[in-house]
Amino acid sequence: MNELISKLHKCDASFLELKNVEIPSELFLTKNVKLCNFRNVSVLSKNGIKMPLEKIVENLPSICGFKFSFDSNSLNVSSKTVKELIKIPHFSEISYFSLINISENFDIQTLFNFLKRNSSPKFHLKYQNNRLSNKYKNELEKIVDEILETKSLKYDPPFISFPLQNEFKLAAFRKLFEK
């Protein structure tokens, strides 16, 4: 695999899809990737620790579309992930940003406040973990309710889905997101 990754590092790929691999950060991808889909991918620092999500995004300066599916014990997201993401200069230039199987360490309220002030990126957030606390689920519900109750949105609403979500709200939310 390292041989393949080293070839990618030297090429000029604009689309990258990786699944179920660990790659060392020194071989970390071409700077010209525009579309990226990582499923259960770990980018490891020199000391073998998983790079946080914000560092991965920071190292993809040309990215337009980004999808990241976390494994069940993801260490890529912390309480400061969103604060660090919104500091990245090219973050607001990303058109589509999808995160699948997010933990509740992800600061959804900070992200939502950012999205209300910025037209990009369009977010798709899917929580698959049934271990979300009731407090976090309530926070997600409040955001969904606020979006659905707003008559005229001045921003692209994020699409948010999570376990045990009200089916009618999810359907209304999906319709709103697809506009």
C-alpha atoms as a PDB file:
ATOM      1  CA  MET A   1       0.000   0.000   0.000  1.00  0.00           C
ATOM      2  CA  ASN A   2       2.807   2.450   0.821  1.00  0.00           C
ATOM      3  CA  GLU A   3       4.146   2.030  -2.713  1.00  0.00           C
ATOM      4  CA  LEU A   4       0.741   2.985  -4.133  1.00  0.00           C
ATOM      5  CA  ILE A   5       0.415   5.958  -1.760  1.00  0.00           C
ATOM      6  CA  SER A   6       3.905   7.193  -2.678  1.00  0.00           C
ATOM      7  CA  LYS A   7       2.879   7.149  -6.356  1.00  0.00           C
ATOM      8  CA  LEU A   8      -0.248   9.154  -5.486  1.00  0.00           C
ATOM      9  CA  HIS A   9       1.920  11.641  -3.645  1.00  0.00           C
ATOM     10  CA  LYS A  10       3.916  12.257  -6.819  1.00  0.00           C
ATOM     11  CA  CYS A  11       0.963  12.453  -9.185  1.00  0.00           C
ATOM     12  CA  ASP A  12      -1.512  15.220  -9.881  1.00  0.00           C
ATOM     13  CA  ALA A  13      -4.755  13.444  -8.922  1.00  0.00           C
ATOM     14  CA  SER A  14      -7.823  15.624  -8.526  1.00  0.00           C
ATOM     15  CA  PHE A  15     -10.116  12.871  -7.162  1.00  0.00           C
ATOM     16  CA  LEU A  16      -9.093  10.604  -4.332  1.00  0.00           C
ATOM     17  CA  GLU A  17     -11.082   7.806  -2.748  1.00  0.00           C
ATOM     18  CA  LEU A  18      -9.496   5.653  -0.063  1.00  0.00           C
ATOM     19  CA  LYS A  19     -11.080   2.997   2.102  1.00  0.00           C
ATOM     20  CA  ASN A  20      -9.882   1.034   5.143  1.00  0.00           C
ATOM     21  CA  VAL A  21      -6.231   2.127   5.066  1.00  0.00           C
ATOM     22  CA  GLU A  22      -3.683   3.856   7.237  1.00  0.00           C
ATOM     23  CA  ILE A  23      -1.326   6.247   5.501  1.00  0.00           C
ATOM     24  CA  PRO A  24       1.657   8.043   7.002  1.00  0.00           C
ATOM     25  CA  SER A  25       1.423  11.841   6.985  1.00  0.00           C
ATOM     26  CA  GLU A  26       4.740  12.209   5.157  1.00  0.00           C
ATOM     27  CA  LEU A  27       3.155  10.493   2.156  1.00  0.00           C
ATOM     28  CA  PHE A  28       0.049  12.625   2.549  1.00  0.00           C
ATOM     29  CA  LEU A  29      -1.522  13.159  -0.784  1.00  0.00           C
ATOM     30  CA  THR A  30      -1.190  15.652  -3.523  1.00  0.00           C
ATOM     31  CA  LYS A  31      -2.110  19.269  -2.852  1.00  0.00           C
ATOM     32  CA  ASN A  32      -4.249  19.267  -6.028  1.00  0.00           C
ATOM     33  CA  VAL A  33      -7.025  16.946  -4.797  1.00  0.00           C
ATOM     34  CA  LYS A  34     -10.391  18.589  -5.449  1.00  0.00           C
ATOM     35  CA  LEU A  35     -12.706  15.719  -4.460  1.00  0.00           C
ATOM     36  CA  CYS A  36     -11.859  13.454  -1.558  1.00  0.00           C
ATOM     37  CA  ASN A  37     -13.742  10.484  -0.107  1.00  0.00           C
ATOM     38  CA  PHE A  38     -12.177   8.756   2.912  1.00  0.00           C
ATOM     39  CA  ARG A  39     -13.912   5.780   4.498  1.00  0.00           C
ATOM     40  CA  ASN A  40     -12.260   4.441   7.623  1.00  0.00           C
ATOM     41  CA  VAL A  41      -8.969   6.073   6.659  1.00  0.00           C
ATOM     42  CA  SER A  42      -6.360   7.076   9.187  1.00  0.00           C
ATOM     43  CA  VAL A  43      -3.632   9.560   8.371  1.00  0.00           C
ATOM     44  CA  LEU A  44      -0.880   8.896  10.875  1.00  0.00           C
ATOM     45  CA  SER A  45       1.602  11.458  12.180  1.00  0.00           C
ATOM     46  CA  LYS A  46       5.305  10.587  12.396  1.00  0.00           C
ATOM     47  CA  ASN A  47       4.775   9.198  15.899  1.00  0.00           C
ATOM     48  CA  GLY A  48       1.890   6.962  14.721  1.00  0.00           C
ATOM     49  CA  ILE A  49      -0.999   9.011  16.124  1.00  0.00           C
ATOM     50  CA  LYS A  50      -4.094   9.683  13.992  1.00  0.00           C
ATOM     51  CA  MET A  51      -4.133  13.178  12.511  1.00  0.00           C
ATOM     52  CA  PRO A  52      -7.164  15.174  13.555  1.00  0.00           C
ATOM     53  CA  LEU A  53      -9.763  15.972  10.917  1.00  0.00           C
ATOM     54  CA  GLU A  54      -8.818  19.650  10.814  1.00  0.00           C
ATOM     55  CA  LYS A  55      -5.185  18.819   9.945  1.00  0.00           C
ATOM     56  CA  ILE A  56      -6.337  16.542   7.120  1.00  0.00           C
ATOM     57  CA  VAL A  57      -8.529  19.322   5.691  1.00  0.00           C
ATOM     58  CA  GLU A  58      -5.751  21.869   6.142  1.00  0.00           C
ATOM     59  CA  ASN A  59      -3.451  19.667   4.033  1.00  0.00           C
ATOM     60  CA  LEU A  60      -5.941  19.639   1.141  1.00  0.00           C
ATOM     61  CA  PRO A  61      -5.886  23.309   0.044  1.00  0.00           C
ATOM     62  CA  SER A  62      -7.621  22.729  -3.323  1.00  0.00           C
ATOM     63  CA  ILE A  63     -10.480  20.653  -1.949  1.00  0.00           C
ATOM     64  CA  CYS A  64     -14.004  21.385  -3.256  1.00  0.00           C
ATOM     65  CA  GLY A  65     -15.800  18.270  -2.032  1.00  0.00           C
ATOM     66  CA  PHE A  66     -14.885  16.302   1.060  1.00  0.00           C
ATOM     67  CA  LYS A  67     -16.472  13.178   2.556  1.00  0.00           C
ATOM     68  CA  PHE A  68     -15.092  11.476   5.628  1.00  0.00           C
ATOM     69  CA  SER A  69     -16.618   8.355   7.206  1.00  0.00           C
ATOM     70  CA  PHE A  70     -15.263   7.731  10.679  1.00  0.00           C
ATOM     71  CA  ASP A  71     -14.596   4.333  12.162  1.00  0.00           C
ATOM     72  CA  SER A  72     -16.394   3.464  15.380  1.00  0.00           C
ATOM     73  CA  ASN A  73     -13.575   4.621  17.666  1.00  0.00           C
ATOM     74  CA  SER A  74     -12.594   7.775  15.854  1.00  0.00           C
ATOM     75  CA  LEU A  75      -9.955   9.920  17.471  1.00  0.00           C
ATOM     76  CA  ASN A  76     -10.066  12.390  14.569  1.00  0.00           C
ATOM     77  CA  VAL A  77     -12.641  14.657  16.213  1.00  0.00           C
ATOM     78  CA  SER A  78     -12.328  16.585  19.439  1.00  0.00           C
ATOM     79  CA  SER A  79     -14.275  19.402  21.041  1.00  0.00           C
ATOM     80  CA  LYS A  80     -12.001  21.901  19.261  1.00  0.00           C
ATOM     81  CA  THR A  81     -12.302  20.379  15.748  1.00  0.00           C
ATOM     82  CA  VAL A  82     -14.928  22.839  14.485  1.00  0.00           C
ATOM     83  CA  LYS A  83     -13.101  25.868  15.921  1.00  0.00           C
ATOM     84  CA  GLU A  84      -9.935  24.737  14.139  1.00  0.00           C
ATOM     85  CA  LEU A  85     -11.744  23.939  10.862  1.00  0.00           C
ATOM     86  CA  ILE A  86     -13.276  27.401  10.566  1.00  0.00           C
ATOM     87  CA  LYS A  87      -9.827  28.980  11.015  1.00  0.00           C
ATOM     88  CA  ILE A  88      -8.525  27.225   7.884  1.00  0.00           C
ATOM     89  CA  PRO A  89      -8.439  29.844   5.079  1.00  0.00           C
ATOM     90  CA  HIS A  90      -9.822  27.553   2.360  1.00  0.00           C
ATOM     91  CA  PHE A  91     -12.513  25.952   4.554  1.00  0.00           C
ATOM     92  CA  SER A  92     -15.240  28.395   3.543  1.00  0.00           C
ATOM     93  CA  GLU A  93     -14.375  27.751  -0.139  1.00  0.00           C
ATOM     94  CA  ILE A  94     -15.341  24.075   0.113  1.00  0.00           C
ATOM     95  CA  SER A  95     -18.639  23.397  -1.686  1.00  0.00           C
ATOM     96  CA  TYR A  96     -19.650  20.115  -0.047  1.00  0.00           C
ATOM     97  CA  PHE A  97     -18.515  18.683   3.289  1.00  0.00           C
ATOM     98  CA  SER A  98     -19.877  15.354   4.540  1.00  0.00           C
ATOM     99  CA  LEU A  99     -19.112  13.622   7.818  1.00  0.00           C
ATOM    100  CA  ILE A 100     -20.485  10.155   8.542  1.00  0.00           C
ATOM    101  CA  ASN A 101     -20.551   8.389  11.921  1.00  0.00           C
ATOM    102  CA  ILE A 102     -19.598  11.489  13.906  1.00  0.00           C
ATOM    103  CA  SER A 103     -19.150  11.352  17.651  1.00  0.00           C
ATOM    104  CA  GLU A 104     -20.704  13.851  20.006  1.00  0.00           C
ATOM    105  CA  ASN A 105     -17.280  15.411  20.511  1.00  0.00           C
ATOM    106  CA  PHE A 106     -18.137  17.331  17.343  1.00  0.00           C
ATOM    107  CA  ASP A 107     -19.201  20.849  18.375  1.00  0.00           C
ATOM    108  CA  ILE A 108     -22.430  21.100  16.394  1.00  0.00           C
ATOM    109  CA  GLN A 109     -23.494  24.444  17.887  1.00  0.00           C
ATOM    110  CA  THR A 110     -20.276  26.220  16.832  1.00  0.00           C
ATOM    111  CA  LEU A 111     -20.626  24.747  13.344  1.00  0.00           C
ATOM    112  CA  PHE A 112     -24.278  25.811  13.110  1.00  0.00           C
ATOM    113  CA  ASN A 113     -23.409  29.369  14.174  1.00  0.00           C
ATOM    114  CA  PHE A 114     -20.671  29.439  11.516  1.00  0.00           C
ATOM    115  CA  LEU A 115     -23.022  28.137   8.803  1.00  0.00           C
ATOM    116  CA  LYS A 116     -25.637  30.782   9.602  1.00  0.00           C
ATOM    117  CA  ARG A 117     -23.029  33.458   8.801  1.00  0.00           C
ATOM    118  CA  ASN A 118     -21.426  31.757   5.764  1.00  0.00           C
ATOM    119  CA  SER A 119     -22.954  30.405   2.581  1.00  0.00           C
ATOM    120  CA  SER A 120     -20.423  27.577   2.182  1.00  0.00           C
ATOM    121  CA  PRO A 121     -19.792  24.754   2.619  1.00  0.00           C
ATOM    122  CA  LYS A 122     -22.948  22.714   2.259  1.00  0.00           C
ATOM    123  CA  PHE A 123     -22.821  20.212   5.133  1.00  0.00           C
ATOM    124  CA  HIS A 124     -24.123  16.667   5.415  1.00  0.00           C
ATOM    125  CA  LEU A 125     -23.797  15.259   8.937  1.00  0.00           C
ATOM    126  CA  LYS A 126     -24.783  11.702   9.729  1.00  0.00           C
ATOM    127  CA  TYR A 127     -24.635  10.382  13.255  1.00  0.00           C
ATOM    128  CA  GLN A 128     -24.898   6.605  13.257  1.00  0.00           C
ATOM    129  CA  ASN A 129     -23.769   5.993  16.793  1.00  0.00           C
ATOM    130  CA  ASN A 130     -26.604   4.977  19.098  1.00  0.00           C
ATOM    131  CA  ARG A 131     -24.454   6.024  22.046  1.00  0.00           C
ATOM    132  CA  LEU A 132     -25.228   9.720  21.632  1.00  0.00           C
ATOM    133  CA  SER A 133     -26.296  11.246  24.920  1.00  0.00           C
ATOM    134  CA  ASN A 134     -29.809  12.600  25.327  1.00  0.00           C
ATOM    135  CA  LYS A 135     -28.309  16.055  25.872  1.00  0.00           C
ATOM    136  CA  TYR A 136     -26.521  15.921  22.498  1.00  0.00           C
ATOM    137  CA  LYS A 137     -29.602  14.527  20.711  1.00  0.00           C
ATOM    138  CA  ASN A 138     -31.655  17.381  22.187  1.00  0.00           C
ATOM    139  CA  GLU A 139     -29.088  19.856  20.852  1.00  0.00           C
ATOM    140  CA  LEU A 140     -29.409  18.301  17.381  1.00  0.00           C
ATOM    141  CA  GLU A 141     -33.223  18.433  17.629  1.00  0.00           C
ATOM    142  CA  LYS A 142     -33.135  22.142  18.543  1.00  0.00           C
ATOM    143  CA  ILE A 143     -31.007  22.910  15.488  1.00  0.00           C
ATOM    144  CA  VAL A 144     -33.282  20.860  13.213  1.00  0.00           C
ATOM    145  CA  ASP A 145     -36.361  22.594  14.668  1.00  0.00           C
ATOM    146  CA  GLU A 146     -34.828  26.048  14.234  1.00  0.00           C
ATOM    147  CA  ILE A 147     -34.027  25.352  10.593  1.00  0.00           C
ATOM    148  CA  LEU A 148     -37.455  23.892   9.839  1.00  0.00           C
ATOM    149  CA  GLU A 149     -39.251  26.774  11.576  1.00  0.00           C
ATOM    150  CA  THR A 150     -37.319  29.525   9.795  1.00  0.00           C
ATOM    151  CA  LYS A 151     -39.428  30.905   6.937  1.00  0.00           C
ATOM    152  CA  SER A 152     -36.635  32.290   4.797  1.00  0.00           C
ATOM    153  CA  LEU A 153     -33.164  30.858   5.280  1.00  0.00           C
ATOM    154  CA  LYS A 154     -30.255  33.101   4.366  1.00  0.00           C
ATOM    155  CA  TYR A 155     -27.785  30.193   4.390  1.00  0.00           C
ATOM    156  CA  ASP A 156     -27.563  26.621   3.143  1.00  0.00           C
ATOM    157  CA  PRO A 157     -28.848  24.490   6.012  1.00  0.00           C
ATOM    158  CA  PRO A 158     -26.794  21.456   6.977  1.00  0.00           C
ATOM    159  CA  PHE A 159     -28.445  18.090   6.501  1.00  0.00           C
ATOM    160  CA  ILE A 160     -28.396  16.347   9.870  1.00  0.00           C
ATOM    161  CA  SER A 161     -29.509  12.776  10.522  1.00  0.00           C
ATOM    162  CA  PHE A 162     -29.162  10.798  13.719  1.00  0.00           C
ATOM    163  CA  PRO A 163     -30.554   7.659  15.402  1.00  0.00           C
ATOM    164  CA  LEU A 164     -34.169   7.856  16.581  1.00  0.00           C
ATOM    165  CA  GLN A 165     -34.751  11.137  14.745  1.00  0.00           C
ATOM    166  CA  ASN A 166     -38.376  12.047  14.082  1.00  0.00           C
ATOM    167  CA  GLU A 167     -39.138  10.580  10.621  1.00  0.00           C
ATOM    168  CA  PHE A 168     -41.372  13.469   9.528  1.00  0.00           C
ATOM    169  CA  LYS A 169     -38.744  16.044  10.465  1.00  0.00           C
ATOM    170  CA  LEU A 170     -36.081  13.997   8.699  1.00  0.00           C
ATOM    171  CA  ALA A 171     -38.197  13.888   5.514  1.00  0.00           C
ATOM    172  CA  ALA A 172     -38.851  17.652   5.684  1.00  0.00           C
ATOM    173  CA  PHE A 173     -35.195  18.262   6.354  1.00  0.00           C
ATOM    174  CA  ARG A 174     -34.126  16.099   3.397  1.00  0.00           C
ATOM    175  CA  LYS A 175     -36.504  18.034   1.110  1.00  0.00           C
ATOM    176  CA  LEU A 176     -35.112  21.346   2.331  1.00  0.00           C
ATOM    177  CA  PHE A 177     -31.516  20.170   1.898  1.00  0.00           C
ATOM    178  CA  GLU A 178     -32.110  19.003  -1.689  1.00  0.00           C
ATOM    179  CA  LYS A 179     -33.370  22.414  -2.840  1.00  0.00           C
END
